[in-house]
C-alpha atoms as a PDB file:
ATOM      1  CA  UNK A   1      -1.011  -5.643 -11.661  1.00  0.00           C
ATOM      2  CA  UNK A   2       2.443  -4.148 -11.856  1.00  0.00           C
ATOM      3  CA  UNK A   3       1.635  -1.392 -14.346  1.00  0.00           C
ATOM      4  CA  UNK A   4      -1.345   0.918 -13.820  1.00  0.00           C
ATOM      5  CA  UNK A   5      -4.103   0.662 -16.375  1.00  0.00           C
ATOM      6  CA  UNK A   6      -5.099   3.867 -18.138  1.00  0.00           C
ATOM      7  CA  UNK A   7      -8.808   3.081 -17.657  1.00  0.00           C
ATOM      8  CA  UNK A   8      -8.550   2.795 -13.839  1.00  0.00           C
ATOM      9  CA  UNK A   9      -8.532   5.982 -11.761  1.00  0.00           C
ATOM     10  CA  UNK A  10      -6.384   5.596  -8.655  1.00  0.00           C
ATOM     11  CA  UNK A  11      -7.568   6.671  -5.238  1.00  0.00           C
ATOM     12  CA  UNK A  12      -5.154   7.691  -2.508  1.00  0.00           C
ATOM     13  CA  UNK A  13      -3.724   5.069  -0.168  1.00  0.00           C
ATOM     14  CA  UNK A  14      -6.329   5.883   2.505  1.00  0.00           C
ATOM     15  CA  UNK A  15      -8.833   3.910   0.418  1.00  0.00           C
ATOM     16  CA  UNK A  16      -6.948   0.755   1.437  1.00  0.00           C
ATOM     17  CA  UNK A  17      -7.424   1.528   5.144  1.00  0.00           C
ATOM     18  CA  UNK A  18     -10.301  -0.894   5.707  1.00  0.00           C
ATOM     19  CA  UNK A  19      -8.492  -3.762   4.016  1.00  0.00           C
ATOM     20  CA  UNK A  20      -5.262  -3.029   5.888  1.00  0.00           C
ATOM     21  CA  UNK A  21      -7.142  -2.700   9.198  1.00  0.00           C
ATOM     22  CA  UNK A  22      -8.319  -6.286   8.771  1.00  0.00           C
ATOM     23  CA  UNK A  23      -4.694  -7.408   8.770  1.00  0.00           C
ATOM     24  CA  UNK A  24      -3.113  -4.962  11.213  1.00  0.00           C
ATOM     25  CA  UNK A  25      -4.410  -3.954  14.645  1.00  0.00           C
ATOM     26  CA  UNK A  26      -3.676  -0.268  13.991  1.00  0.00           C
ATOM     27  CA  UNK A  27      -4.214   2.349  11.321  1.00  0.00           C
ATOM     28  CA  UNK A  28      -1.362   1.516   8.965  1.00  0.00           C
ATOM     29  CA  UNK A  29      -2.221   4.398   6.596  1.00  0.00           C
ATOM     30  CA  UNK A  30      -0.384   6.710   9.039  1.00  0.00           C
ATOM     31  CA  UNK A  31       2.777   4.544   8.926  1.00  0.00           C
ATOM     32  CA  UNK A  32       5.703   5.785   6.850  1.00  0.00           C
ATOM     33  CA  UNK A  33       6.855   3.615   3.973  1.00  0.00           C
ATOM     34  CA  UNK A  34      10.176   4.061   2.177  1.00  0.00           C
ATOM     35  CA  UNK A  35       9.947   3.427  -1.559  1.00  0.00           C
ATOM     36  CA  UNK A  36      12.438   0.910  -2.902  1.00  0.00           C
ATOM     37  CA  UNK A  37      12.390   2.657  -6.281  1.00  0.00           C
ATOM     38  CA  UNK A  38      13.121   6.296  -5.483  1.00  0.00           C
ATOM     39  CA  UNK A  39      13.783   6.292  -1.732  1.00  0.00           C
ATOM     40  CA  UNK A  40      11.038   8.767  -0.899  1.00  0.00           C
ATOM     41  CA  UNK A  41       9.424   8.451   2.530  1.00  0.00           C
ATOM     42  CA  UNK A  42       5.692   9.091   2.880  1.00  0.00           C
ATOM     43  CA  UNK A  43       2.671   7.942   4.823  1.00  0.00           C
ATOM     44  CA  UNK A  44       0.937   4.951   3.256  1.00  0.00           C
ATOM     45  CA  UNK A  45      -2.132   7.165   3.044  1.00  0.00           C
ATOM     46  CA  UNK A  46      -0.288   9.263   0.457  1.00  0.00           C
ATOM     47  CA  UNK A  47       0.319   6.283  -1.846  1.00  0.00           C
ATOM     48  CA  UNK A  48      -1.900   5.652  -4.875  1.00  0.00           C
ATOM     49  CA  UNK A  49      -4.342   2.803  -4.285  1.00  0.00           C
ATOM     50  CA  UNK A  50      -5.469   0.562  -7.146  1.00  0.00           C
ATOM     51  CA  UNK A  51      -8.222  -1.942  -6.431  1.00  0.00           C
ATOM     52  CA  UNK A  52      -7.729  -5.032  -8.588  1.00  0.00           C
ATOM     53  CA  UNK A  53      -9.575  -8.337  -8.860  1.00  0.00           C
ATOM     54  CA  UNK A  54      -7.080 -10.065  -6.563  1.00  0.00           C
ATOM     55  CA  UNK A  55      -6.883  -7.301  -3.933  1.00  0.00           C
ATOM     56  CA  UNK A  56      -4.993  -4.021  -3.793  1.00  0.00           C
ATOM     57  CA  UNK A  57      -1.815  -2.451  -5.122  1.00  0.00           C
ATOM     58  CA  UNK A  58      -0.368   0.687  -3.516  1.00  0.00           C
ATOM     59  CA  UNK A  59       2.076   2.702  -5.599  1.00  0.00           C
ATOM     60  CA  UNK A  60       4.550   5.393  -4.642  1.00  0.00           C
ATOM     61  CA  UNK A  61       3.014   8.802  -5.363  1.00  0.00           C
ATOM     62  CA  UNK A  62       6.468  10.045  -6.407  1.00  0.00           C
ATOM     63  CA  UNK A  63       7.729   7.393  -8.874  1.00  0.00           C
ATOM     64  CA  UNK A  64       4.827   4.911  -9.273  1.00  0.00           C
ATOM     65  CA  UNK A  65       6.747   1.885  -7.905  1.00  0.00           C
ATOM     66  CA  UNK A  66       4.400  -0.787  -6.503  1.00  0.00           C
ATOM     67  CA  UNK A  67       5.380  -0.615  -2.814  1.00  0.00           C
ATOM     68  CA  UNK A  68       2.680  -2.869  -1.372  1.00  0.00           C
ATOM     69  CA  UNK A  69       0.419  -5.590  -2.756  1.00  0.00           C
ATOM     70  CA  UNK A  70      -2.307  -7.110  -0.588  1.00  0.00           C
ATOM     71  CA  UNK A  71      -4.838  -9.839  -1.230  1.00  0.00           C
ATOM     72  CA  UNK A  72      -7.344 -11.620   0.998  1.00  0.00           C
ATOM     73  CA  UNK A  73      -8.049 -15.266   0.191  1.00  0.00           C
ATOM     74  CA  UNK A  74     -10.334 -17.757   1.957  1.00  0.00           C
ATOM     75  CA  UNK A  75      -7.276 -19.069   3.814  1.00  0.00           C
ATOM     76  CA  UNK A  76      -5.767 -15.723   4.883  1.00  0.00           C
ATOM     77  CA  UNK A  77      -3.935 -12.590   3.754  1.00  0.00           C
ATOM     78  CA  UNK A  78      -0.937 -12.250   1.446  1.00  0.00           C
ATOM     79  CA  UNK A  79       1.193  -9.128   1.796  1.00  0.00           C
ATOM     80  CA  UNK A  80       3.998  -8.383  -0.680  1.00  0.00           C
ATOM     81  CA  UNK A  81       6.202  -5.403   0.175  1.00  0.00           C
ATOM     82  CA  UNK A  82       9.174  -6.046  -2.098  1.00  0.00           C
ATOM     83  CA  UNK A  83       8.819  -2.528  -3.560  1.00  0.00           C
ATOM     84  CA  UNK A  84       9.351  -0.969  -0.128  1.00  0.00           C
ATOM     85  CA  UNK A  85      12.588  -0.606   1.796  1.00  0.00           C
ATOM     86  CA  UNK A  86      11.021  -0.021   5.204  1.00  0.00           C
ATOM     87  CA  UNK A  87       7.714   0.433   6.992  1.00  0.00           C
ATOM     88  CA  UNK A  88       7.774   2.580  10.141  1.00  0.00           C
ATOM     89  CA  UNK A  89       4.878   2.585  12.602  1.00  0.00           C
ATOM     90  CA  UNK A  90       5.178   5.152  15.391  1.00  0.00           C
ATOM     91  CA  UNK A  91       4.559   3.934  18.925  1.00  0.00           C
ATOM     92  CA  UNK A  92       1.273   5.105  20.467  1.00  0.00           C
ATOM     93  CA  UNK A  93       1.625   8.259  22.555  1.00  0.00           C
END
């Protein structure tokens, strides 16, 4: 799903928190992601989350670039971040 469907209402990126928590040992929704399309930097929780049959697509809230795609298969997780330049996770205090 590279283009959003008009009949699907997006949620914010926080809706992907449970799925991301299965893959990462921390709350990734607080991490900053840099969009490869427009260069904006925002918390993953600010991205637009689209649940699709194969998993999840998170899109930049600024330009709608797909910054993260995630799917969970019987053999493991697939994470595609080609729409992102960077992902920054702050060290615990």
